[in-house]
Amino acid sequence: MKLPKNLGFGGGMPNMGDLMKQAQDAMGKAKHLEEELANERFDIEKNGVKVTFDGRGMVVSLKIDNELIDPEDSETLEDAISLACREGFERAVESRQERVDQLMPNLPPGLLG
């Protein structure tokens, strides 16, 4: 009995050449994605603190409302900064993962490294 050369993902063993091409295409797209994420911006404002992140989760800028600067109560300022940073980083990570999921084909685990 002769088996077809490419049974595809739904029917058995996929063609290795096709898989390698898909992996190379996905890696090229991922490289461009990093550049796009570096230029993307997320602004988070919490309790008088505004933090801007890029799509990679890096802090681009931080602004603090003068009313929060109280030498007698640094804890409120620290909490506001922590909250804004945590939310901004989580938002950047979620956005990045959504974009990676859209770019990457359904490749077998471990094929990209």
PDB file of N, CA and C in Angstrom:
ATOM      1  N   MET A   1       0.849  -1.159   0.000  1.00  0.00           N
ATOM      2  CA  MET A   1       0.000   0.000   0.000  1.00  0.00           C
ATOM      3  C   MET A   1       0.905   1.236   0.000  1.00  0.00           C
ATOM      4  N   LYS A   2       0.621   2.179  -0.901  1.00  0.00           N
ATOM      5  CA  LYS A   2       1.385   3.418  -1.000  1.00  0.00           C
ATOM      6  C   LYS A   2       0.691   4.516  -0.233  1.00  0.00           C
ATOM      7  N   LEU A   3       1.442   5.258   0.585  1.00  0.00           N
ATOM      8  CA  LEU A   3       0.895   6.382   1.326  1.00  0.00           C
ATOM      9  C   LEU A   3       1.155   7.676   0.554  1.00  0.00           C
ATOM     10  N   PRO A   4       0.245   8.633   0.635  1.00  0.00           N
ATOM     11  CA  PRO A   4       0.497   9.922  -0.010  1.00  0.00           C
ATOM     12  C   PRO A   4       1.697  10.605   0.636  1.00  0.00           C
ATOM     13  N   LYS A   5       2.408  11.435  -0.177  1.00  0.00           N
ATOM     14  CA  LYS A   5       3.599  12.112   0.327  1.00  0.00           C
ATOM     15  C   LYS A   5       3.293  13.087   1.447  1.00  0.00           C
ATOM     16  N   ASN A   6       2.216  13.829   1.349  1.00  0.00           N
ATOM     17  CA  ASN A   6       1.881  14.820   2.379  1.00  0.00           C
ATOM     18  C   ASN A   6       0.463  14.578   2.847  1.00  0.00           C
ATOM     19  N   LEU A   7       0.347  14.054   4.044  1.00  0.00           N
ATOM     20  CA  LEU A   7      -0.973  13.793   4.598  1.00  0.00           C
ATOM     21  C   LEU A   7      -1.541  15.018   5.303  1.00  0.00           C
ATOM     22  N   GLY A   8      -0.720  16.045   5.537  1.00  0.00           N
ATOM     23  CA  GLY A   8      -1.193  17.276   6.171  1.00  0.00           C
ATOM     24  C   GLY A   8      -1.357  17.112   7.668  1.00  0.00           C
ATOM     25  N   PHE A   9      -1.726  18.203   8.327  1.00  0.00           N
ATOM     26  CA  PHE A   9      -1.866  18.191   9.776  1.00  0.00           C
ATOM     27  C   PHE A   9      -3.029  17.327  10.228  1.00  0.00           C
ATOM     28  N   GLY A  10      -4.076  17.261   9.433  1.00  0.00           N
ATOM     29  CA  GLY A  10      -5.250  16.529   9.859  1.00  0.00           C
ATOM     30  C   GLY A  10      -5.153  15.039   9.639  1.00  0.00           C
ATOM     31  N   GLY A  11      -4.227  14.570   8.784  1.00  0.00           N
ATOM     32  CA  GLY A  11      -4.253  13.173   8.438  1.00  0.00           C
ATOM     33  C   GLY A  11      -2.997  12.399   8.711  1.00  0.00           C
ATOM     34  N   GLY A  12      -2.016  12.922   9.372  1.00  0.00           N
ATOM     35  CA  GLY A  12      -0.812  12.173   9.650  1.00  0.00           C
ATOM     36  C   GLY A  12       0.417  13.045   9.590  1.00  0.00           C
ATOM     37  N   MET A  13       1.480  12.509   9.016  1.00  0.00           N
ATOM     38  CA  MET A  13       2.758  13.210   8.966  1.00  0.00           C
ATOM     39  C   MET A  13       2.746  14.342   7.943  1.00  0.00           C
ATOM     40  N   PRO A  14       3.025  15.576   8.378  1.00  0.00           N
ATOM     41  CA  PRO A  14       3.109  16.690   7.436  1.00  0.00           C
ATOM     42  C   PRO A  14       4.420  16.649   6.665  1.00  0.00           C
ATOM     43  N   ASN A  15       4.463  17.309   5.534  1.00  0.00           N
ATOM     44  CA  ASN A  15       5.661  17.396   4.719  1.00  0.00           C
ATOM     45  C   ASN A  15       6.692  18.227   5.479  1.00  0.00           C
ATOM     46  N   MET A  16       7.869  17.700   5.691  1.00  0.00           N
ATOM     47  CA  MET A  16       8.896  18.375   6.486  1.00  0.00           C
ATOM     48  C   MET A  16       9.346  19.668   5.823  1.00  0.00           C
ATOM     49  N   GLY A  17       9.413  19.704   4.514  1.00  0.00           N
ATOM     50  CA  GLY A  17       9.790  20.935   3.811  1.00  0.00           C
ATOM     51  C   GLY A  17       8.792  22.047   4.069  1.00  0.00           C
ATOM     52  N   ASP A  18       7.501  21.697   4.065  1.00  0.00           N
ATOM     53  CA  ASP A  18       6.466  22.691   4.350  1.00  0.00           C
ATOM     54  C   ASP A  18       6.579  23.205   5.780  1.00  0.00           C
ATOM     55  N   LEU A  19       6.838  22.296   6.702  1.00  0.00           N
ATOM     56  CA  LEU A  19       6.987  22.688   8.102  1.00  0.00           C
ATOM     57  C   LEU A  19       8.171  23.633   8.286  1.00  0.00           C
ATOM     58  N   MET A  20       9.271  23.337   7.638  1.00  0.00           N
ATOM     59  CA  MET A  20      10.454  24.183   7.768  1.00  0.00           C
ATOM     60  C   MET A  20      10.192  25.565   7.157  1.00  0.00           C
ATOM     61  N   LYS A  21       9.494  25.611   6.045  1.00  0.00           N
ATOM     62  CA  LYS A  21       9.147  26.893   5.420  1.00  0.00           C
ATOM     63  C   LYS A  21       8.250  27.693   6.349  1.00  0.00           C
ATOM     64  N   GLN A  22       7.264  27.044   6.955  1.00  0.00           N
ATOM     65  CA  GLN A  22       6.378  27.731   7.898  1.00  0.00           C
ATOM     66  C   GLN A  22       7.163  28.257   9.094  1.00  0.00           C
ATOM     67  N   ALA A  23       8.108  27.465   9.581  1.00  0.00           N
ATOM     68  CA  ALA A  23       8.919  27.882  10.723  1.00  0.00           C
ATOM     69  C   ALA A  23       9.782  29.085  10.361  1.00  0.00           C
ATOM     70  N   GLN A  24      10.393  29.063   9.175  1.00  0.00           N
ATOM     71  CA  GLN A  24      11.214  30.192   8.733  1.00  0.00           C
ATOM     72  C   GLN A  24      10.368  31.451   8.561  1.00  0.00           C
ATOM     73  N   ASP A  25       9.196  31.309   7.972  1.00  0.00           N
ATOM     74  CA  ASP A  25       8.290  32.453   7.801  1.00  0.00           C
ATOM     75  C   ASP A  25       7.890  33.029   9.155  1.00  0.00           C
ATOM     76  N   ALA A  26       7.565  32.149  10.105  1.00  0.00           N
ATOM     77  CA  ALA A  26       7.156  32.589  11.436  1.00  0.00           C
ATOM     78  C   ALA A  26       8.298  33.319  12.137  1.00  0.00           C
ATOM     79  N   MET A  27       9.516  32.842  11.988  1.00  0.00           N
ATOM     80  CA  MET A  27      10.659  33.497  12.634  1.00  0.00           C
ATOM     81  C   MET A  27      10.915  34.871  12.018  1.00  0.00           C
ATOM     82  N   GLY A  28      10.734  35.001  10.714  1.00  0.00           N
ATOM     83  CA  GLY A  28      10.882  36.296  10.064  1.00  0.00           C
ATOM     84  C   GLY A  28       9.833  37.282  10.539  1.00  0.00           C
ATOM     85  N   LYS A  29       8.607  36.809  10.657  1.00  0.00           N
ATOM     86  CA  LYS A  29       7.522  37.666  11.151  1.00  0.00           C
ATOM     87  C   LYS A  29       7.763  38.066  12.600  1.00  0.00           C
ATOM     88  N   ALA A  30       8.292  37.156  13.395  1.00  0.00           N
ATOM     89  CA  ALA A  30       8.568  37.452  14.797  1.00  0.00           C
ATOM     90  C   ALA A  30       9.628  38.542  14.924  1.00  0.00           C
ATOM     91  N   LYS A  31      10.600  38.543  14.030  1.00  0.00           N
ATOM     92  CA  LYS A  31      11.641  39.572  14.052  1.00  0.00           C
ATOM     93  C   LYS A  31      11.023  40.949  13.802  1.00  0.00           C
ATOM     94  N   HIS A  32      10.126  41.029  12.828  1.00  0.00           N
ATOM     95  CA  HIS A  32       9.450  42.296  12.543  1.00  0.00           C
ATOM     96  C   HIS A  32       8.529  42.691  13.694  1.00  0.00           C
ATOM     97  N   LEU A  33       7.953  41.718  14.351  1.00  0.00           N
ATOM     98  CA  LEU A  33       7.061  41.988  15.473  1.00  0.00           C
ATOM     99  C   LEU A  33       7.813  42.711  16.589  1.00  0.00           C
ATOM    100  N   GLU A  34       9.036  42.308  16.865  1.00  0.00           N
ATOM    101  CA  GLU A  34       9.828  42.966  17.905  1.00  0.00           C
ATOM    102  C   GLU A  34       9.988  44.455  17.599  1.00  0.00           C
ATOM    103  N   GLU A  35      10.243  44.785  16.340  1.00  0.00           N
ATOM    104  CA  GLU A  35      10.381  46.187  15.947  1.00  0.00           C
ATOM    105  C   GLU A  35       9.060  46.937  16.137  1.00  0.00           C
ATOM    106  N   GLU A  36       7.959  46.306  15.748  1.00  0.00           N
ATOM    107  CA  GLU A  36       6.642  46.925  15.905  1.00  0.00           C
ATOM    108  C   GLU A  36       6.319  47.139  17.383  1.00  0.00           C
ATOM    109  N   LEU A  37       6.614  46.158  18.220  1.00  0.00           N
ATOM    110  CA  LEU A  37       6.328  46.269  19.647  1.00  0.00           C
ATOM    111  C   LEU A  37       7.144  47.380  20.301  1.00  0.00           C
ATOM    112  N   ALA A  38       8.360  47.586  19.823  1.00  0.00           N
ATOM    113  CA  ALA A  38       9.198  48.649  20.379  1.00  0.00           C
ATOM    114  C   ALA A  38       8.582  50.024  20.130  1.00  0.00           C
ATOM    115  N   ASN A  39       7.784  50.160  19.079  1.00  0.00           N
ATOM    116  CA  ASN A  39       7.164  51.441  18.744  1.00  0.00           C
ATOM    117  C   ASN A  39       5.739  51.594  19.277  1.00  0.00           C
ATOM    118  N   GLU A  40       5.178  50.531  19.782  1.00  0.00           N
ATOM    119  CA  GLU A  40       3.815  50.566  20.324  1.00  0.00           C
ATOM    120  C   GLU A  40       3.835  51.205  21.717  1.00  0.00           C
ATOM    121  N   ARG A  41       2.761  51.919  22.079  1.00  0.00           N
ATOM    122  CA  ARG A  41       2.701  52.582  23.380  1.00  0.00           C
ATOM    123  C   ARG A  41       1.401  52.269  24.114  1.00  0.00           C
ATOM    124  N   PHE A  42       1.508  52.065  25.429  1.00  0.00           N
ATOM    125  CA  PHE A  42       0.369  51.875  26.316  1.00  0.00           C
ATOM    126  C   PHE A  42       0.488  52.895  27.441  1.00  0.00           C
ATOM    127  N   ASP A  43      -0.537  53.709  27.632  1.00  0.00           N
ATOM    128  CA  ASP A  43      -0.559  54.673  28.731  1.00  0.00           C
ATOM    129  C   ASP A  43      -1.461  54.136  29.834  1.00  0.00           C
ATOM    130  N   ILE A  44      -0.931  54.085  31.030  1.00  0.00           N
ATOM    131  CA  ILE A  44      -1.671  53.635  32.199  1.00  0.00           C
ATOM    132  C   ILE A  44      -1.694  54.789  33.198  1.00  0.00           C
ATOM    133  N   GLU A  45      -2.890  55.160  33.643  1.00  0.00           N
ATOM    134  CA  GLU A  45      -3.018  56.203  34.655  1.00  0.00           C
ATOM    135  C   GLU A  45      -3.737  55.619  35.865  1.00  0.00           C
ATOM    136  N   LYS A  46      -3.089  55.686  37.006  1.00  0.00           N
ATOM    137  CA  LYS A  46      -3.638  55.171  38.262  1.00  0.00           C
ATOM    138  C   LYS A  46      -3.323  56.123  39.395  1.00  0.00           C
ATOM    139  N   ASN A  47      -4.348  56.647  40.024  1.00  0.00           N
ATOM    140  CA  ASN A  47      -4.190  57.428  41.253  1.00  0.00           C
ATOM    141  C   ASN A  47      -3.131  58.527  41.152  1.00  0.00           C
ATOM    142  N   GLY A  48      -3.108  59.263  40.033  1.00  0.00           N
ATOM    143  CA  GLY A  48      -2.165  60.363  39.881  1.00  0.00           C
ATOM    144  C   GLY A  48      -0.814  59.980  39.302  1.00  0.00           C
ATOM    145  N   VAL A  49      -0.649  58.732  38.912  1.00  0.00           N
ATOM    146  CA  VAL A  49       0.594  58.271  38.303  1.00  0.00           C
ATOM    147  C   VAL A  49       0.286  57.846  36.869  1.00  0.00           C
ATOM    148  N   LYS A  50       1.067  58.367  35.915  1.00  0.00           N
ATOM    149  CA  LYS A  50       0.911  57.977  34.510  1.00  0.00           C
ATOM    150  C   LYS A  50       2.214  57.330  34.057  1.00  0.00           C
ATOM    151  N   VAL A  51       2.096  56.084  33.593  1.00  0.00           N
ATOM    152  CA  VAL A  51       3.258  55.347  33.106  1.00  0.00           C
ATOM    153  C   VAL A  51       2.987  54.957  31.656  1.00  0.00           C
ATOM    154  N   THR A  52       3.973  55.197  30.805  1.00  0.00           N
ATOM    155  CA  THR A  52       3.874  54.793  29.404  1.00  0.00           C
ATOM    156  C   THR A  52       4.836  53.640  29.179  1.00  0.00           C
ATOM    157  N   PHE A  53       4.304  52.569  28.594  1.00  0.00           N
ATOM    158  CA  PHE A  53       5.077  51.372  28.278  1.00  0.00           C
ATOM    159  C   PHE A  53       5.145  51.199  26.777  1.00  0.00           C
ATOM    160  N   ASP A  54       6.191  50.520  26.315  1.00  0.00           N
ATOM    161  CA  ASP A  54       6.183  50.095  24.923  1.00  0.00           C
ATOM    162  C   ASP A  54       5.597  48.685  24.878  1.00  0.00           C
ATOM    163  N   GLY A  55       5.424  48.153  23.695  1.00  0.00           N
ATOM    164  CA  GLY A  55       4.801  46.846  23.525  1.00  0.00           C
ATOM    165  C   GLY A  55       5.625  45.682  24.038  1.00  0.00           C
ATOM    166  N   ARG A  56       6.877  45.952  24.405  1.00  0.00           N
ATOM    167  CA  ARG A  56       7.724  44.903  24.972  1.00  0.00           C
ATOM    168  C   ARG A  56       7.640  44.866  26.484  1.00  0.00           C
ATOM    169  N   GLY A  57       6.930  45.858  27.075  1.00  0.00           N
ATOM    170  CA  GLY A  57       6.798  45.916  28.527  1.00  0.00           C
ATOM    171  C   GLY A  57       7.821  46.813  29.190  1.00  0.00           C
ATOM    172  N   MET A  58       8.557  47.590  28.403  1.00  0.00           N
ATOM    173  CA  MET A  58       9.561  48.501  28.941  1.00  0.00           C
ATOM    174  C   MET A  58       8.912  49.842  29.279  1.00  0.00           C
ATOM    175  N   VAL A  59       9.293  50.434  30.417  1.00  0.00           N
ATOM    176  CA  VAL A  59       8.792  51.749  30.799  1.00  0.00           C
ATOM    177  C   VAL A  59       9.451  52.797  29.909  1.00  0.00           C
ATOM    178  N   VAL A  60       8.613  53.613  29.265  1.00  0.00           N
ATOM    179  CA  VAL A  60       9.093  54.677  28.389  1.00  0.00           C
ATOM    180  C   VAL A  60       9.114  56.002  29.148  1.00  0.00           C
ATOM    181  N   SER A  61       8.077  56.236  29.951  1.00  0.00           N
ATOM    182  CA  SER A  61       8.040  57.466  30.752  1.00  0.00           C
ATOM    183  C   SER A  61       7.186  57.264  31.995  1.00  0.00           C
ATOM    184  N   LEU A  62       7.423  58.124  32.974  1.00  0.00           N
ATOM    185  CA  LEU A  62       6.697  58.085  34.233  1.00  0.00           C
ATOM    186  C   LEU A  62       6.441  59.524  34.664  1.00  0.00           C
ATOM    187  N   LYS A  63       5.171  59.843  34.930  1.00  0.00           N
ATOM    188  CA  LYS A  63       4.800  61.172  35.399  1.00  0.00           C
ATOM    189  C   LYS A  63       3.986  61.013  36.682  1.00  0.00           C
ATOM    190  N   ILE A  64       4.278  61.886  37.651  1.00  0.00           N
ATOM    191  CA  ILE A  64       3.617  61.825  38.950  1.00  0.00           C
ATOM    192  C   ILE A  64       2.954  63.162  39.228  1.00  0.00           C
ATOM    193  N   ASP A  65       1.684  63.109  39.611  1.00  0.00           N
ATOM    194  CA  ASP A  65       0.953  64.309  40.002  1.00  0.00           C
ATOM    195  C   ASP A  65       1.620  64.891  41.248  1.00  0.00           C
ATOM    196  N   ASN A  66       1.890  66.187  41.227  1.00  0.00           N
ATOM    197  CA  ASN A  66       2.562  66.848  42.357  1.00  0.00           C
ATOM    198  C   ASN A  66       1.842  66.651  43.680  1.00  0.00           C
ATOM    199  N   GLU A  67       0.545  66.485  43.641  1.00  0.00           N
ATOM    200  CA  GLU A  67      -0.220  66.304  44.874  1.00  0.00           C
ATOM    201  C   GLU A  67       0.138  64.996  45.588  1.00  0.00           C
ATOM    202  N   LEU A  68       0.693  64.052  44.856  1.00  0.00           N
ATOM    203  CA  LEU A  68       1.077  62.772  45.463  1.00  0.00           C
ATOM    204  C   LEU A  68       2.423  62.845  46.182  1.00  0.00           C
ATOM    205  N   ILE A  69       3.182  63.884  45.921  1.00  0.00           N
ATOM    206  CA  ILE A  69       4.518  63.986  46.505  1.00  0.00           C
ATOM    207  C   ILE A  69       4.408  64.597  47.896  1.00  0.00           C
ATOM    208  N   ASP A  70       4.366  63.716  48.871  1.00  0.00           N
ATOM    209  CA  ASP A  70       4.228  64.109  50.269  1.00  0.00           C
ATOM    210  C   ASP A  70       5.315  63.388  51.069  1.00  0.00           C
ATOM    211  N   PRO A  71       6.302  64.132  51.563  1.00  0.00           N
ATOM    212  CA  PRO A  71       7.384  63.492  52.317  1.00  0.00           C
ATOM    213  C   PRO A  71       6.894  62.698  53.529  1.00  0.00           C
ATOM    214  N   GLU A  72       5.714  63.038  54.024  1.00  0.00           N
ATOM    215  CA  GLU A  72       5.171  62.343  55.191  1.00  0.00           C
ATOM    216  C   GLU A  72       4.423  61.055  54.814  1.00  0.00           C
ATOM    217  N   ASP A  73       4.173  60.873  53.496  1.00  0.00           N
ATOM    218  CA  ASP A  73       3.390  59.713  53.065  1.00  0.00           C
ATOM    219  C   ASP A  73       3.943  59.159  51.748  1.00  0.00           C
ATOM    220  N   SER A  74       5.127  58.620  51.794  1.00  0.00           N
ATOM    221  CA  SER A  74       5.730  58.051  50.579  1.00  0.00           C
ATOM    222  C   SER A  74       5.059  56.741  50.177  1.00  0.00           C
ATOM    223  N   GLU A  75       4.407  56.078  51.122  1.00  0.00           N
ATOM    224  CA  GLU A  75       3.779  54.786  50.841  1.00  0.00           C
ATOM    225  C   GLU A  75       2.669  54.908  49.789  1.00  0.00           C
ATOM    226  N   THR A  76       1.873  55.962  49.843  1.00  0.00           N
ATOM    227  CA  THR A  76       0.804  56.154  48.862  1.00  0.00           C
ATOM    228  C   THR A  76       1.388  56.297  47.464  1.00  0.00           C
ATOM    229  N   LEU A  77       2.443  57.066  47.335  1.00  0.00           N
ATOM    230  CA  LEU A  77       3.105  57.244  46.041  1.00  0.00           C
ATOM    231  C   LEU A  77       3.699  55.932  45.544  1.00  0.00           C
ATOM    232  N   GLU A  78       4.364  55.218  46.430  1.00  0.00           N
ATOM    233  CA  GLU A  78       4.954  53.923  46.058  1.00  0.00           C
ATOM    234  C   GLU A  78       3.886  52.949  45.583  1.00  0.00           C
ATOM    235  N   ASP A  79       2.762  52.894  46.274  1.00  0.00           N
ATOM    236  CA  ASP A  79       1.670  51.999  45.885  1.00  0.00           C
ATOM    237  C   ASP A  79       1.110  52.376  44.522  1.00  0.00           C
ATOM    238  N   ALA A  80       0.929  53.680  44.266  1.00  0.00           N
ATOM    239  CA  ALA A  80       0.384  54.134  42.991  1.00  0.00           C
ATOM    240  C   ALA A  80       1.327  53.786  41.845  1.00  0.00           C
ATOM    241  N   ILE A  81       2.620  53.967  42.057  1.00  0.00           N
ATOM    242  CA  ILE A  81       3.604  53.630  41.020  1.00  0.00           C
ATOM    243  C   ILE A  81       3.603  52.128  40.766  1.00  0.00           C
ATOM    244  N   SER A  82       3.604  51.337  41.821  1.00  0.00           N
ATOM    245  CA  SER A  82       3.598  49.872  41.662  1.00  0.00           C
ATOM    246  C   SER A  82       2.372  49.392  40.913  1.00  0.00           C
ATOM    247  N   LEU A  83       1.209  49.923  41.259  1.00  0.00           N
ATOM    248  CA  LEU A  83      -0.032  49.521  40.601  1.00  0.00           C
ATOM    249  C   LEU A  83      -0.012  49.871  39.122  1.00  0.00           C
ATOM    250  N   ALA A  84       0.392  51.080  38.792  1.00  0.00           N
ATOM    251  CA  ALA A  84       0.438  51.500  37.394  1.00  0.00           C
ATOM    252  C   ALA A  84       1.443  50.669  36.598  1.00  0.00           C
ATOM    253  N   CYS A  85       2.594  50.409  37.178  1.00  0.00           N
ATOM    254  CA  CYS A  85       3.621  49.610  36.486  1.00  0.00           C
ATOM    255  C   CYS A  85       3.168  48.175  36.270  1.00  0.00           C
ATOM    256  N   ARG A  86       2.565  47.595  37.284  1.00  0.00           N
ATOM    257  CA  ARG A  86       2.094  46.212  37.165  1.00  0.00           C
ATOM    258  C   ARG A  86       1.041  46.097  36.064  1.00  0.00           C
ATOM    259  N   GLU A  87       0.068  47.008  36.066  1.00  0.00           N
ATOM    260  CA  GLU A  87      -0.998  46.957  35.065  1.00  0.00           C
ATOM    261  C   GLU A  87      -0.446  47.195  33.656  1.00  0.00           C
ATOM    262  N   GLY A  88       0.463  48.137  33.520  1.00  0.00           N
ATOM    263  CA  GLY A  88       1.041  48.417  32.200  1.00  0.00           C
ATOM    264  C   GLY A  88       1.831  47.245  31.663  1.00  0.00           C
ATOM    265  N   PHE A  89       2.624  46.625  32.517  1.00  0.00           N
ATOM    266  CA  PHE A  89       3.416  45.478  32.081  1.00  0.00           C
ATOM    267  C   PHE A  89       2.503  44.323  31.681  1.00  0.00           C
ATOM    268  N   GLU A  90       1.473  44.054  32.476  1.00  0.00           N
ATOM    269  CA  GLU A  90       0.532  42.976  32.152  1.00  0.00           C
ATOM    270  C   GLU A  90      -0.157  43.245  30.817  1.00  0.00           C
ATOM    271  N   ARG A  91      -0.540  44.489  30.584  1.00  0.00           N
ATOM    272  CA  ARG A  91      -1.204  44.842  29.324  1.00  0.00           C
ATOM    273  C   ARG A  91      -0.263  44.627  28.137  1.00  0.00           C
ATOM    274  N   ALA A  92       1.004  45.014  28.276  1.00  0.00           N
ATOM    275  CA  ALA A  92       1.979  44.826  27.208  1.00  0.00           C
ATOM    276  C   ALA A  92       2.207  43.336  26.931  1.00  0.00           C
ATOM    277  N   VAL A  93       2.314  42.540  27.984  1.00  0.00           N
ATOM    278  CA  VAL A  93       2.537  41.095  27.823  1.00  0.00           C
ATOM    279  C   VAL A  93       1.339  40.445  27.117  1.00  0.00           C
ATOM    280  N   GLU A  94       0.127  40.809  27.511  1.00  0.00           N
ATOM    281  CA  GLU A  94      -1.072  40.254  26.869  1.00  0.00           C
ATOM    282  C   GLU A  94      -1.130  40.635  25.395  1.00  0.00           C
ATOM    283  N   SER A  95      -0.847  41.891  25.091  1.00  0.00           N
ATOM    284  CA  SER A  95      -0.874  42.354  23.705  1.00  0.00           C
ATOM    285  C   SER A  95       0.167  41.618  22.869  1.00  0.00           C
ATOM    286  N   ARG A  96       1.352  41.464  23.423  1.00  0.00           N
ATOM    287  CA  ARG A  96       2.418  40.762  22.710  1.00  0.00           C
ATOM    288  C   ARG A  96       2.004  39.320  22.427  1.00  0.00           C
ATOM    289  N   GLN A  97       1.443  38.640  23.432  1.00  0.00           N
ATOM    290  CA  GLN A  97       1.065  37.244  23.253  1.00  0.00           C
ATOM    291  C   GLN A  97      -0.020  37.089  22.190  1.00  0.00           C
ATOM    292  N   GLU A  98      -0.985  38.009  22.175  1.00  0.00           N
ATOM    293  CA  GLU A  98      -2.029  37.962  21.150  1.00  0.00           C
ATOM    294  C   GLU A  98      -1.424  38.088  19.760  1.00  0.00           C
ATOM    295  N   ARG A  99      -0.470  38.982  19.605  1.00  0.00           N
ATOM    296  CA  ARG A  99       0.149  39.194  18.295  1.00  0.00           C
ATOM    297  C   ARG A  99       1.015  38.017  17.893  1.00  0.00           C
ATOM    298  N   VAL A 100       1.723  37.430  18.840  1.00  0.00           N
ATOM    299  CA  VAL A 100       2.539  36.243  18.540  1.00  0.00           C
ATOM    300  C   VAL A 100       1.630  35.093  18.119  1.00  0.00           C
ATOM    301  N   ASP A 101       0.523  34.906  18.836  1.00  0.00           N
ATOM    302  CA  ASP A 101      -0.410  33.835  18.494  1.00  0.00           C
ATOM    303  C   ASP A 101      -0.964  33.999  17.087  1.00  0.00           C
ATOM    304  N   GLN A 102      -1.188  35.241  16.658  1.00  0.00           N
ATOM    305  CA  GLN A 102      -1.697  35.501  15.312  1.00  0.00           C
ATOM    306  C   GLN A 102      -0.644  35.212  14.245  1.00  0.00           C
ATOM    307  N   LEU A 103       0.615  35.443  14.555  1.00  0.00           N
ATOM    308  CA  LEU A 103       1.689  35.270  13.579  1.00  0.00           C
ATOM    309  C   LEU A 103       2.140  33.834  13.408  1.00  0.00           C
ATOM    310  N   MET A 104       2.165  33.107  14.489  1.00  0.00           N
ATOM    311  CA  MET A 104       2.743  31.766  14.450  1.00  0.00           C
ATOM    312  C   MET A 104       1.737  30.727  13.951  1.00  0.00           C
ATOM    313  N   PRO A 105       2.161  29.950  12.995  1.00  0.00           N
ATOM    314  CA  PRO A 105       1.280  28.851  12.552  1.00  0.00           C
ATOM    315  C   PRO A 105       1.243  27.756  13.615  1.00  0.00           C
ATOM    316  N   ASN A 106       0.363  26.830  13.453  1.00  0.00           N
ATOM    317  CA  ASN A 106       0.266  25.709  14.388  1.00  0.00           C
ATOM    318  C   ASN A 106       1.367  24.698  14.070  1.00  0.00           C
ATOM    319  N   LEU A 107       2.552  24.983  14.575  1.00  0.00           N
ATOM    320  CA  LEU A 107       3.689  24.113  14.335  1.00  0.00           C
ATOM    321  C   LEU A 107       3.816  23.115  15.478  1.00  0.00           C
ATOM    322  N   PRO A 108       4.396  21.957  15.190  1.00  0.00           N
ATOM    323  CA  PRO A 108       4.616  20.992  16.275  1.00  0.00           C
ATOM    324  C   PRO A 108       5.511  21.606  17.347  1.00  0.00           C
ATOM    325  N   PRO A 109       5.271  21.274  18.627  1.00  0.00           N
ATOM    326  CA  PRO A 109       6.089  21.809  19.721  1.00  0.00           C
ATOM    327  C   PRO A 109       7.564  21.546  19.504  1.00  0.00           C
ATOM    328  N   GLY A 110       8.401  22.534  19.793  1.00  0.00           N
ATOM    329  CA  GLY A 110       9.829  22.374  19.701  1.00  0.00           C
ATOM    330  C   GLY A 110      10.428  22.649  18.335  1.00  0.00           C
ATOM    331  N   LEU A 111       9.621  22.878  17.315  1.00  0.00           N
ATOM    332  CA  LEU A 111      10.156  23.051  15.975  1.00  0.00           C
ATOM    333  C   LEU A 111      10.916  24.363  15.837  1.00  0.00           C
ATOM    334  N   LEU A 112      10.482  25.406  16.564  1.00  0.00           N
ATOM    335  CA  LEU A 112      11.165  26.694  16.481  1.00  0.00           C
ATOM    336  C   LEU A 112      12.317  26.804  17.465  1.00  0.00           C
ATOM    337  N   GLY A 113      12.558  25.806  18.232  1.00  0.00           N
ATOM    338  CA  GLY A 113      13.700  25.870  19.150  1.00  0.00           C
ATOM    339  C   GLY A 113      13.240  25.733  20.508  1.00  0.00           C
TER     340      GLY A 113
END
